[in-house]
N, C-alpha and C. Protein backbone atom coordinates (compact mmCIF):
# COMPACT_ATOMS: atom_id res chain seq x y z
N MET A 1 14.01 27.58 -3.11
CA MET A 1 12.97 26.55 -3.30
C MET A 1 12.94 25.82 -2.13
N GLY A 2 11.77 25.40 -2.05
CA GLY A 2 10.81 24.27 -0.84
C GLY A 2 10.32 23.72 -1.03
N ILE A 3 10.00 22.55 -0.74
CA ILE A 3 9.13 21.29 -1.10
C ILE A 3 9.07 20.68 0.49
N ARG A 4 7.65 20.07 0.32
CA ARG A 4 7.10 19.48 1.73
C ARG A 4 6.98 17.69 1.18
N TYR A 5 7.77 16.79 1.81
CA TYR A 5 8.21 15.46 1.66
C TYR A 5 7.01 14.86 2.57
N LEU A 6 6.68 13.78 2.16
CA LEU A 6 6.18 12.90 4.03
C LEU A 6 6.37 11.64 3.26
N ALA A 7 7.24 10.84 4.11
CA ALA A 7 7.67 9.30 4.19
C ALA A 7 6.80 8.84 4.79
N LEU A 8 6.64 7.83 4.56
CA LEU A 8 5.24 6.42 5.13
C LEU A 8 6.23 5.29 4.86
N GLY A 9 5.44 4.45 6.48
CA GLY A 9 6.69 3.49 6.42
C GLY A 9 7.04 3.05 7.40
N ASP A 10 7.83 1.84 7.88
CA ASP A 10 7.76 1.34 9.09
C ASP A 10 9.16 1.58 10.12
N SER A 11 10.08 0.65 10.06
CA SER A 11 10.97 0.61 11.03
C SER A 11 12.31 1.50 10.12
N TYR A 12 12.36 0.87 8.99
CA TYR A 12 13.22 1.12 7.79
C TYR A 12 13.30 2.86 7.55
N THR A 13 11.90 3.44 7.87
CA THR A 13 11.87 4.85 7.42
C THR A 13 12.01 5.85 9.23
N ILE A 14 11.61 5.12 9.78
CA ILE A 14 11.78 6.05 11.09
C ILE A 14 13.44 6.09 11.70
N GLY A 15 14.21 5.43 11.15
CA GLY A 15 15.22 4.72 11.04
C GLY A 15 15.81 4.12 12.63
N GLU A 16 15.48 2.80 12.86
CA GLU A 16 15.36 2.25 13.94
C GLU A 16 16.74 2.04 14.20
N SER A 17 17.25 2.47 15.14
CA SER A 17 18.91 2.27 15.90
C SER A 17 19.40 2.90 15.22
N VAL A 18 19.48 4.04 15.03
CA VAL A 18 20.45 5.15 14.26
C VAL A 18 19.82 6.44 14.43
N ALA A 19 20.46 7.19 14.44
CA ALA A 19 20.59 8.79 14.93
C ALA A 19 19.46 9.74 14.22
N GLU A 20 18.54 10.37 13.98
CA GLU A 20 17.33 11.01 13.51
C GLU A 20 18.06 11.37 12.28
N ASN A 21 19.66 12.36 11.99
CA ASN A 21 19.82 12.50 10.76
C ASN A 21 20.52 11.37 9.77
N LYS A 22 20.09 10.74 10.45
CA LYS A 22 21.12 9.65 9.75
C LYS A 22 20.08 8.40 8.86
N ARG A 23 18.47 8.71 9.20
CA ARG A 23 17.47 8.04 8.57
C ARG A 23 17.51 8.33 6.99
N TRP A 24 17.33 7.39 6.28
CA TRP A 24 17.22 7.85 4.80
C TRP A 24 16.54 8.76 4.22
N PRO A 25 15.15 9.11 4.63
CA PRO A 25 14.00 10.29 4.08
C PRO A 25 15.53 11.60 4.83
N ASN A 26 16.01 11.73 6.00
CA ASN A 26 16.41 12.77 6.31
C ASN A 26 17.84 13.22 5.49
N GLN A 27 18.31 12.23 5.39
CA GLN A 27 19.90 12.16 4.58
C GLN A 27 19.19 12.38 3.02
N LEU A 28 18.03 12.50 2.68
CA LEU A 28 17.65 12.54 1.25
C LEU A 28 17.51 13.72 0.94
N ALA A 29 17.09 14.58 2.71
CA ALA A 29 16.74 15.86 2.59
C ALA A 29 17.97 16.65 2.49
N ALA A 30 18.60 16.35 3.23
CA ALA A 30 20.16 16.80 2.97
C ALA A 30 20.64 17.14 1.91
N MET A 31 20.79 16.14 0.94
CA MET A 31 20.96 15.99 0.05
C MET A 31 20.73 16.99 -1.59
N LEU A 32 19.43 17.35 -0.95
CA LEU A 32 18.20 17.89 -1.69
C LEU A 32 18.53 19.78 -1.12
N SER A 33 19.06 19.89 -0.20
CA SER A 33 19.61 21.23 0.39
C SER A 33 20.60 21.24 -0.06
N GLU A 34 21.34 20.35 -0.29
CA GLU A 34 23.20 20.90 -1.19
C GLU A 34 23.03 21.31 -2.42
N GLN A 35 21.43 21.05 -2.97
CA GLN A 35 21.19 21.50 -4.20
C GLN A 35 19.58 22.87 -4.76
N GLY A 36 20.55 23.37 -2.98
CA GLY A 36 19.30 24.48 -2.99
C GLY A 36 17.93 24.35 -2.73
N ILE A 37 17.74 22.97 -2.35
CA ILE A 37 16.01 22.68 -2.50
C ILE A 37 15.83 22.66 -0.90
N GLN A 38 15.46 23.64 -0.33
CA GLN A 38 14.85 23.21 1.42
C GLN A 38 13.32 22.23 1.45
N THR A 39 13.95 21.28 2.41
CA THR A 39 12.71 20.18 2.31
C THR A 39 12.06 20.18 4.03
N ASP A 40 11.05 20.19 4.06
CA ASP A 40 10.00 19.76 4.93
C ASP A 40 9.80 18.52 5.25
N VAL A 41 10.72 17.43 5.88
CA VAL A 41 10.22 16.44 5.64
C VAL A 41 9.10 16.01 7.41
N THR A 42 8.17 15.37 6.58
CA THR A 42 7.63 14.79 7.47
C THR A 42 7.09 13.06 7.56
N ILE A 43 7.61 12.63 8.59
CA ILE A 43 7.50 10.76 8.89
C ILE A 43 6.62 10.39 9.27
N ILE A 44 5.66 9.63 9.24
CA ILE A 44 4.96 9.00 9.79
C ILE A 44 5.27 7.08 9.68
N ALA A 45 5.69 6.97 10.77
CA ALA A 45 6.42 5.19 10.39
C ALA A 45 7.05 5.09 11.82
N ARG A 46 6.55 4.00 12.21
CA ARG A 46 7.04 3.17 13.52
C ARG A 46 7.03 1.42 13.46
N THR A 47 8.54 1.32 13.89
CA THR A 47 9.03 -0.45 14.24
C THR A 47 7.76 -0.99 14.49
N GLY A 48 7.59 -2.05 13.97
CA GLY A 48 6.43 -3.44 13.31
C GLY A 48 5.55 -2.89 13.07
N TRP A 49 5.44 -1.88 12.29
CA TRP A 49 4.05 -1.56 11.68
C TRP A 49 4.05 -2.56 10.37
N THR A 50 2.43 -2.96 10.07
CA THR A 50 2.38 -3.70 9.05
C THR A 50 1.67 -3.05 7.92
N VAL A 51 0.98 -3.04 6.72
CA VAL A 51 0.41 -1.85 5.81
C VAL A 51 -0.67 -1.23 6.58
N ASP A 52 -1.49 -2.47 7.30
CA ASP A 52 -3.01 -1.66 7.94
C ASP A 52 -2.57 -0.99 9.22
N GLU A 53 -1.41 -1.15 10.23
CA GLU A 53 -0.92 -0.44 11.01
C GLU A 53 -0.45 1.11 10.24
N LEU A 54 0.15 0.85 9.30
CA LEU A 54 0.62 2.03 9.03
C LEU A 54 -0.81 3.06 8.70
N TRP A 55 -1.74 2.83 8.11
CA TRP A 55 -2.86 3.47 7.81
C TRP A 55 -2.82 3.57 9.46
N GLU A 56 -3.39 3.05 10.11
CA GLU A 56 -3.87 3.50 11.53
C GLU A 56 -3.24 4.40 12.06
N GLY A 57 -1.86 4.63 11.72
CA GLY A 57 -0.64 5.60 12.10
C GLY A 57 -1.51 7.18 11.28
N VAL A 58 -1.36 6.74 10.44
CA VAL A 58 -1.68 8.01 9.06
C VAL A 58 -2.89 8.59 9.81
N GLN A 59 -3.76 7.62 10.42
CA GLN A 59 -5.36 8.02 10.97
C GLN A 59 -5.43 8.92 12.05
N ALA A 60 -4.38 7.85 12.58
CA ALA A 60 -4.08 8.99 14.25
C ALA A 60 -3.19 10.51 13.83
N ASN A 61 -3.14 10.34 12.88
CA ASN A 61 -1.55 11.73 12.50
C ASN A 61 -2.21 12.14 11.37
N PRO A 62 -2.90 12.35 11.32
CA PRO A 62 -3.10 12.41 9.39
C PRO A 62 -2.76 13.71 8.74
N PRO A 63 -1.98 13.61 7.20
CA PRO A 63 -0.67 14.55 6.99
C PRO A 63 -1.89 15.79 6.42
N ASP A 64 -1.05 17.12 6.78
CA ASP A 64 -1.90 18.46 6.56
C ASP A 64 -1.37 18.12 5.19
N GLY A 65 -2.46 18.73 4.65
CA GLY A 65 -2.51 19.21 2.99
C GLY A 65 -1.95 18.29 2.26
N THR A 66 -1.16 18.75 0.92
CA THR A 66 -0.69 17.88 0.25
C THR A 66 1.16 17.99 -0.32
N TYR A 67 1.76 17.01 -0.76
CA TYR A 67 3.16 17.46 -0.71
C TYR A 67 3.39 17.29 -2.19
N ASP A 68 4.71 17.77 -2.18
CA ASP A 68 5.41 17.93 -2.87
C ASP A 68 6.02 16.05 -4.01
N LEU A 69 6.67 15.86 -2.54
CA LEU A 69 7.00 14.00 -2.46
C LEU A 69 5.96 13.29 -1.79
N VAL A 70 5.98 12.58 -2.08
CA VAL A 70 5.29 10.94 -0.78
C VAL A 70 6.30 9.65 -1.40
N THR A 71 7.01 9.18 -0.34
CA THR A 71 7.58 8.20 -0.19
C THR A 71 6.87 7.38 0.86
N LEU A 72 7.16 5.77 -0.24
CA LEU A 72 6.01 4.31 0.97
C LEU A 72 7.29 3.16 0.79
N LEU A 73 7.33 2.78 2.02
CA LEU A 73 8.39 1.68 2.19
C LEU A 73 7.58 0.73 3.72
N ILE A 74 6.92 -0.54 2.83
CA ILE A 74 5.84 -1.20 3.84
C ILE A 74 5.87 -2.29 3.24
N GLY A 75 5.57 -3.24 4.35
CA GLY A 75 5.39 -4.74 3.92
C GLY A 75 6.39 -5.93 4.62
N VAL A 76 7.86 -5.37 5.08
CA VAL A 76 8.30 -6.47 5.74
C VAL A 76 7.73 -7.16 7.28
N ASN A 77 7.28 -6.37 7.70
CA ASN A 77 6.62 -6.59 8.74
C ASN A 77 5.28 -7.92 8.26
N ASP A 78 4.31 -7.66 6.99
CA ASP A 78 3.26 -8.75 7.18
C ASP A 78 4.35 -10.02 6.63
N GLN A 79 5.19 -9.81 5.96
CA GLN A 79 6.11 -10.73 5.24
C GLN A 79 6.51 -11.91 6.71
N TYR A 80 6.71 -10.81 7.77
CA TYR A 80 7.32 -11.54 9.14
C TYR A 80 6.97 -12.50 9.56
N ARG A 81 5.56 -12.03 9.51
CA ARG A 81 4.06 -12.46 10.59
C ARG A 81 3.48 -13.76 9.13
N GLY A 82 3.99 -13.74 8.34
CA GLY A 82 3.71 -14.54 7.27
C GLY A 82 2.23 -14.39 6.96
N TYR A 83 1.86 -13.02 6.96
CA TYR A 83 0.44 -12.58 6.18
C TYR A 83 0.68 -13.44 4.55
N PRO A 84 -0.73 -13.59 4.48
CA PRO A 84 -0.71 -13.95 2.58
C PRO A 84 -0.93 -12.72 1.84
N LEU A 85 0.06 -13.25 1.09
CA LEU A 85 0.86 -12.09 -0.48
C LEU A 85 -0.99 -11.47 -0.87
N ASP A 86 -1.83 -12.41 -1.16
CA ASP A 86 -2.98 -11.80 -1.44
C ASP A 86 -3.59 -10.63 -0.74
N GLY A 87 -3.64 -10.44 1.05
CA GLY A 87 -3.77 -9.50 1.54
C GLY A 87 -2.84 -8.11 1.42
N TYR A 88 -1.84 -8.77 1.78
CA TYR A 88 -0.84 -7.66 1.13
C TYR A 88 -1.13 -6.85 -0.25
N ARG A 89 -1.06 -7.52 -1.52
CA ARG A 89 -1.12 -6.92 -2.38
C ARG A 89 -2.83 -5.88 -1.87
N GLU A 90 -4.20 -6.09 -1.59
CA GLU A 90 -5.24 -5.42 -1.13
C GLU A 90 -4.55 -4.37 -0.30
N ASP A 91 -4.06 -4.74 0.98
CA ASP A 91 -3.79 -3.35 1.69
C ASP A 91 -2.43 -2.38 1.18
N PHE A 92 -1.75 -3.18 0.05
CA PHE A 92 -0.69 -2.29 -0.69
C PHE A 92 -0.93 -1.22 -1.07
N ARG A 93 -1.98 -2.05 -2.51
CA ARG A 93 -2.63 -1.19 -3.31
C ARG A 93 -3.66 0.37 -2.84
N PHE A 94 -4.26 0.03 -1.58
CA PHE A 94 -4.90 1.10 -1.04
C PHE A 94 -3.97 1.96 -0.18
N MET A 95 -3.41 1.64 0.49
CA MET A 95 -2.36 2.65 0.78
C MET A 95 -1.54 3.56 0.01
N LEU A 96 -1.87 2.57 -1.02
CA LEU A 96 -0.23 3.94 -2.22
C LEU A 96 -1.51 4.37 -2.93
N GLY A 97 -2.63 4.54 -2.95
CA GLY A 97 -3.48 5.11 -3.30
C GLY A 97 -3.41 5.94 -2.58
N LYS A 98 -3.49 5.61 -1.50
CA LYS A 98 -3.64 7.27 -0.14
C LYS A 98 -2.39 7.79 -0.46
N ALA A 99 -1.10 7.31 -0.74
CA ALA A 99 0.14 8.38 -0.97
C ALA A 99 0.02 8.96 -2.29
N ILE A 100 -0.64 8.56 -2.77
CA ILE A 100 -1.20 9.33 -4.26
C ILE A 100 -1.96 10.62 -3.75
N GLU A 101 -2.91 10.25 -3.12
CA GLU A 101 -4.00 11.07 -2.63
C GLU A 101 -3.09 12.75 -1.71
N TYR A 102 -2.16 12.22 -1.34
CA TYR A 102 -1.56 13.01 -0.05
C TYR A 102 -0.54 13.65 -1.38
N ALA A 103 0.14 13.34 -2.19
CA ALA A 103 0.67 14.04 -3.10
C ALA A 103 -0.53 14.86 -4.03
N GLY A 104 -1.56 15.01 -3.82
CA GLY A 104 -2.27 15.99 -4.42
C GLY A 104 -3.04 15.05 -5.78
N GLY A 105 -2.88 13.68 -5.15
CA GLY A 105 -3.53 12.87 -7.05
C GLY A 105 -2.33 13.17 -8.16
N ASP A 106 -1.39 12.66 -7.70
CA ASP A 106 -0.22 12.83 -8.69
C ASP A 106 0.84 11.75 -8.46
N PRO A 107 -0.01 10.94 -9.01
CA PRO A 107 1.12 9.24 -9.10
C PRO A 107 2.53 9.92 -9.50
N GLN A 108 3.31 10.38 -10.11
CA GLN A 108 4.62 10.75 -10.49
C GLN A 108 5.47 11.38 -9.05
N ARG A 109 4.46 11.70 -8.56
CA ARG A 109 5.04 11.94 -7.39
C ARG A 109 5.29 11.79 -6.00
N VAL A 110 5.01 10.35 -6.09
CA VAL A 110 5.11 9.15 -5.34
C VAL A 110 6.12 8.18 -5.79
N VAL A 111 7.25 7.86 -4.48
CA VAL A 111 8.02 6.89 -4.68
C VAL A 111 8.08 5.67 -4.12
N VAL A 112 7.94 5.07 -4.40
CA VAL A 112 7.84 3.15 -3.90
C VAL A 112 9.32 2.49 -3.59
N LEU A 113 9.84 2.18 -2.08
CA LEU A 113 11.06 1.42 -2.07
C LEU A 113 10.17 -0.15 -1.99
N SER A 114 11.48 -0.72 -2.44
CA SER A 114 11.31 -2.19 -2.02
C SER A 114 11.67 -2.36 -1.04
N ILE A 115 11.13 -3.65 -0.30
CA ILE A 115 11.33 -4.16 1.06
C ILE A 115 12.92 -4.77 0.80
N PRO A 116 13.47 -4.24 2.08
CA PRO A 116 14.92 -4.95 2.23
C PRO A 116 14.90 -6.26 2.40
N ASP A 117 16.21 -6.92 2.31
CA ASP A 117 16.10 -8.35 2.73
C ASP A 117 16.60 -8.44 4.11
N TRP A 118 16.08 -8.81 4.96
CA TRP A 118 16.47 -8.81 6.23
C TRP A 118 17.29 -10.43 6.92
N GLY A 119 17.30 -10.75 5.76
CA GLY A 119 17.69 -12.70 5.83
C GLY A 119 19.15 -12.18 5.49
N PHE A 120 19.43 -11.17 5.34
CA PHE A 120 21.08 -11.13 4.99
C PHE A 120 21.43 -10.18 5.96
N THR A 121 21.47 -10.43 7.28
CA THR A 121 21.37 -9.42 8.54
C THR A 121 22.36 -10.82 9.68
N PRO A 122 23.06 -10.49 10.19
CA PRO A 122 23.21 -11.03 11.57
C PRO A 122 22.28 -11.57 12.43
N PHE A 123 21.06 -10.82 12.19
CA PHE A 123 19.81 -11.79 13.11
C PHE A 123 19.38 -12.55 12.69
N ALA A 124 19.68 -12.92 11.19
CA ALA A 124 18.75 -13.86 10.89
C ALA A 124 19.95 -14.93 10.57
N ALA A 125 21.12 -14.81 10.88
CA ALA A 125 22.23 -15.52 10.69
C ALA A 125 21.60 -17.51 11.28
N SER A 126 21.19 -17.08 12.62
CA SER A 126 20.52 -18.44 12.93
C SER A 126 19.13 -19.29 12.18
N ARG A 127 18.64 -18.59 11.03
CA ARG A 127 17.81 -19.25 10.46
C ARG A 127 17.86 -19.61 9.04
N GLU A 128 17.14 -20.11 8.71
CA GLU A 128 17.20 -20.64 6.54
C GLU A 128 16.79 -19.65 6.32
N THR A 129 17.53 -19.13 5.66
CA THR A 129 17.62 -17.66 4.95
C THR A 129 17.19 -17.62 3.66
N GLU A 130 17.39 -18.60 2.63
CA GLU A 130 17.01 -18.96 1.74
C GLU A 130 15.15 -18.62 1.36
N PRO A 131 14.18 -19.19 2.12
CA PRO A 131 12.96 -19.00 2.34
C PRO A 131 12.64 -17.29 2.69
N ILE A 132 13.27 -16.71 3.56
CA ILE A 132 13.55 -15.18 3.98
C ILE A 132 13.22 -14.28 2.37
N SER A 133 14.02 -14.65 2.07
CA SER A 133 15.05 -14.04 0.76
C SER A 133 13.80 -14.40 -0.30
N LEU A 134 13.59 -15.77 -0.38
CA LEU A 134 12.58 -15.71 -1.42
C LEU A 134 10.91 -15.09 -1.29
N GLN A 135 10.59 -15.45 -0.03
CA GLN A 135 9.50 -14.71 0.26
C GLN A 135 9.28 -13.14 0.04
N ILE A 136 10.45 -12.13 0.46
CA ILE A 136 10.83 -10.74 0.11
C ILE A 136 10.54 -10.80 -1.29
N ASP A 137 11.61 -11.33 -2.19
CA ASP A 137 11.11 -11.47 -3.72
C ASP A 137 9.82 -11.20 -4.21
N GLU A 138 8.89 -12.57 -3.34
CA GLU A 138 7.47 -12.51 -3.79
C GLU A 138 6.89 -10.83 -3.36
N PHE A 139 7.08 -10.73 -1.97
CA PHE A 139 6.19 -9.50 -1.88
C PHE A 139 6.62 -7.88 -2.43
N ASN A 140 7.60 -7.84 -3.02
CA ASN A 140 8.30 -7.23 -3.96
C ASN A 140 7.55 -7.27 -4.77
N ALA A 141 7.59 -8.45 -5.93
CA ALA A 141 6.79 -8.48 -7.26
C ALA A 141 5.68 -8.13 -6.76
N VAL A 142 4.87 -8.20 -6.01
CA VAL A 142 3.22 -7.38 -5.89
C VAL A 142 3.43 -5.88 -5.57
N ASN A 143 4.60 -4.99 -4.75
CA ASN A 143 4.23 -4.02 -4.65
C ASN A 143 5.04 -3.39 -6.07
N LEU A 144 5.99 -4.59 -6.95
CA LEU A 144 6.17 -3.23 -8.42
C LEU A 144 5.29 -3.16 -9.26
N GLU A 145 4.81 -4.22 -9.11
CA GLU A 145 3.41 -4.73 -9.86
C GLU A 145 1.92 -3.79 -9.87
N GLU A 146 2.21 -3.61 -8.19
CA GLU A 146 1.00 -2.35 -7.93
C GLU A 146 1.20 -1.09 -8.25
N THR A 147 2.69 -0.95 -7.82
CA THR A 147 3.55 0.78 -8.52
C THR A 147 3.34 0.89 -9.49
N LYS A 148 3.80 0.07 -10.58
CA LYS A 148 3.41 -0.15 -12.06
C LYS A 148 2.31 0.56 -12.45
N SER A 149 1.35 -0.23 -11.60
CA SER A 149 -0.13 -0.16 -12.60
C SER A 149 -0.57 1.28 -11.79
N ALA A 150 -0.14 1.98 -10.85
CA ALA A 150 -0.59 2.75 -10.27
C ALA A 150 0.14 4.44 -10.76
N GLY A 151 1.23 3.74 -11.80
CA GLY A 151 1.83 4.85 -12.46
C GLY A 151 2.95 5.64 -11.29
N ALA A 152 3.08 4.81 -10.26
CA ALA A 152 4.38 5.65 -9.30
C ALA A 152 5.38 5.32 -9.84
N HIS A 153 6.68 5.80 -9.05
CA HIS A 153 7.62 5.75 -9.19
C HIS A 153 8.73 4.32 -8.55
N TYR A 154 9.40 3.62 -8.86
CA TYR A 154 9.71 2.33 -8.08
C TYR A 154 11.52 2.68 -7.86
N VAL A 155 11.90 2.03 -6.74
CA VAL A 155 13.17 2.15 -6.38
C VAL A 155 13.62 1.20 -5.37
N ASP A 156 14.20 0.11 -6.62
CA ASP A 156 15.23 -1.29 -6.03
C ASP A 156 16.01 -0.71 -4.53
N VAL A 157 16.06 -0.74 -3.63
CA VAL A 157 16.66 -0.89 -2.18
C VAL A 157 17.30 -2.53 -1.55
N THR A 158 16.22 -3.35 -2.31
CA THR A 158 16.63 -4.54 -1.65
C THR A 158 18.11 -5.41 -2.22
N ILE A 159 18.46 -4.65 -3.32
CA ILE A 159 19.89 -5.13 -3.31
C ILE A 159 20.89 -4.23 -3.17
N ILE A 160 20.68 -3.30 -2.60
CA ILE A 160 21.69 -2.81 -1.24
C ILE A 160 21.66 -3.65 -0.10
N SER A 161 20.19 -4.00 0.54
CA SER A 161 20.27 -4.27 1.54
C SER A 161 21.30 -5.82 1.40
N ARG A 162 21.30 -6.30 0.41
CA ARG A 162 21.86 -7.78 0.57
C ARG A 162 23.49 -7.88 0.30
N MET A 163 24.14 -6.30 0.51
CA MET A 163 25.27 -6.43 0.36
C MET A 163 25.74 -6.68 2.05
N ALA A 164 25.07 -6.22 2.39
CA ALA A 164 25.41 -6.59 4.27
C ALA A 164 25.78 -7.81 4.82
N MET A 165 25.87 -8.59 3.69
CA MET A 165 26.47 -9.99 4.07
C MET A 165 28.30 -9.93 4.54
N ASP A 166 28.56 -8.90 3.38
CA ASP A 166 29.70 -8.84 3.38
C ASP A 166 30.42 -7.99 3.68
N ASP A 167 29.06 -6.81 4.40
CA ASP A 167 29.78 -5.53 4.92
C ASP A 167 29.10 -5.20 6.03
N PHE A 168 29.48 -5.61 7.13
CA PHE A 168 29.09 -5.41 8.47
C PHE A 168 28.43 -3.98 9.04
N GLU A 169 29.39 -3.18 8.38
CA GLU A 169 28.79 -1.67 8.77
C GLU A 169 27.81 -1.08 8.15
N LEU A 170 27.04 -1.78 7.08
CA LEU A 170 25.89 -1.69 6.84
C LEU A 170 24.74 -2.12 7.88
N ILE A 171 25.28 -2.46 8.90
CA ILE A 171 24.24 -2.84 9.88
C ILE A 171 24.37 -2.13 11.05
N ALA A 172 23.02 -1.71 11.53
CA ALA A 172 23.11 -0.83 12.79
C ALA A 172 23.33 -2.13 13.97
N SER A 173 23.68 -1.37 15.25
CA SER A 173 24.33 -2.65 16.06
C SER A 173 23.19 -3.25 17.04
N ASP A 174 21.93 -3.31 16.59
CA ASP A 174 20.79 -4.23 16.60
C ASP A 174 21.23 -5.00 15.66
N ARG A 175 21.97 -5.36 14.50
CA ARG A 175 22.45 -6.41 13.92
C ARG A 175 20.96 -6.82 13.15
N LEU A 176 19.79 -5.83 13.00
CA LEU A 176 19.47 -6.62 12.38
C LEU A 176 18.73 -5.25 11.20
N HIS A 177 19.20 -4.30 11.86
CA HIS A 177 18.56 -2.97 10.97
C HIS A 177 19.42 -1.96 9.81
N PRO A 178 19.05 -1.60 9.21
CA PRO A 178 20.58 -0.51 8.69
C PRO A 178 20.95 0.00 9.20
N SER A 179 22.40 0.46 9.15
CA SER A 179 23.08 1.59 9.74
C SER A 179 22.77 2.92 8.56
N GLY A 180 23.19 3.95 9.48
CA GLY A 180 23.19 5.28 8.48
C GLY A 180 24.19 5.09 7.38
N LYS A 181 24.68 4.30 7.09
CA LYS A 181 25.90 3.70 5.79
C LYS A 181 24.90 3.60 4.73
N MET A 182 24.51 2.84 5.36
CA MET A 182 23.39 1.73 4.40
C MET A 182 22.24 2.78 3.51
N TYR A 183 21.75 3.50 4.76
CA TYR A 183 20.38 4.82 4.28
C TYR A 183 21.01 5.63 3.70
N SER A 184 21.96 5.77 3.81
CA SER A 184 23.08 7.61 2.72
C SER A 184 22.84 6.23 1.35
N LEU A 185 23.00 4.89 1.18
CA LEU A 185 23.14 4.48 -0.26
C LEU A 185 21.76 4.67 -0.68
N TRP A 186 20.72 4.19 -0.12
CA TRP A 186 19.36 4.39 -0.45
C TRP A 186 18.63 5.75 -0.60
N ALA A 187 19.34 6.49 -0.20
CA ALA A 187 19.41 8.40 -0.47
C ALA A 187 19.69 8.58 -1.64
N GLU A 188 21.27 7.99 -1.67
CA GLU A 188 21.86 8.65 -2.95
C GLU A 188 20.94 7.62 -4.31
N LYS A 189 20.34 6.91 -3.89
CA LYS A 189 19.91 6.11 -5.53
C LYS A 189 18.85 6.22 -5.56
N VAL A 190 17.67 6.97 -4.15
CA VAL A 190 16.73 7.65 -4.62
C VAL A 190 16.71 9.31 -5.13
N PHE A 191 17.72 9.69 -4.89
CA PHE A 191 17.91 10.54 -5.23
C PHE A 191 17.53 11.31 -6.68
N PRO A 192 18.50 10.31 -7.19
CA PRO A 192 18.03 10.84 -9.21
C PRO A 192 16.34 11.11 -9.43
N THR A 193 15.50 9.85 -9.01
CA THR A 193 13.82 10.12 -9.08
C THR A 193 13.29 11.41 -8.36
N VAL A 194 14.28 11.90 -7.50
CA VAL A 194 13.28 12.55 -6.62
C VAL A 194 13.84 14.28 -7.55
N ILE A 195 15.10 13.91 -7.90
CA ILE A 195 14.93 15.27 -8.74
C ILE A 195 14.81 15.30 -9.95
N GLU A 196 14.09 14.58 -10.35
CA GLU A 196 13.48 14.54 -11.94
C GLU A 196 11.68 14.95 -11.59
N ILE A 197 11.71 14.48 -9.98
CA ILE A 197 9.89 14.70 -10.02
C ILE A 197 9.92 16.32 -9.78
N ILE A 198 10.99 16.91 -8.91
CA ILE A 198 10.63 18.28 -8.26
C ILE A 198 11.30 19.38 -9.32
N LYS A 199 11.79 18.78 -10.00
CA LYS A 199 12.71 19.99 -10.89
C LYS A 199 11.42 20.65 -11.47
């Protein structure tokens, strides 16, 4: 059995500061392979992208055909740049709609991941971290609401990102992005939902 998988996002999806096989979409594909499900992974993501920049990236490299699985993780750079929640909601709703299109119009083949909390990284140690966490929660409340409204799946990885304060092995050498170890925890959390989708 084989599936086509499209992963849309930013630095968290392209795996900034980790090897390609340590990116969470690639680790997810490896887990599926162990179950006899060969997975062709296409990643459209870049470090620093906001939702609107992701859409520009998608337009520059249009997905080919439809996919059995589409994941979407986007919004941390909208938060980091101080973009308003209303604008994020509108942009996210549009991008989620596109993700559903790429899944053949079936929202049940789309999985949205919550935005990780970079306030729990060494990079943020010199900042006021509580406002960061509160804003991340606000952005995630928006993307959760929009995901439920669209009928897609939602997986919370924010709680895993907040474990980094107690386990620095979960953070990459740049002191900001997740390590392969954290991405493996994300893949493990997403895996049961994906199995339900493709079985």
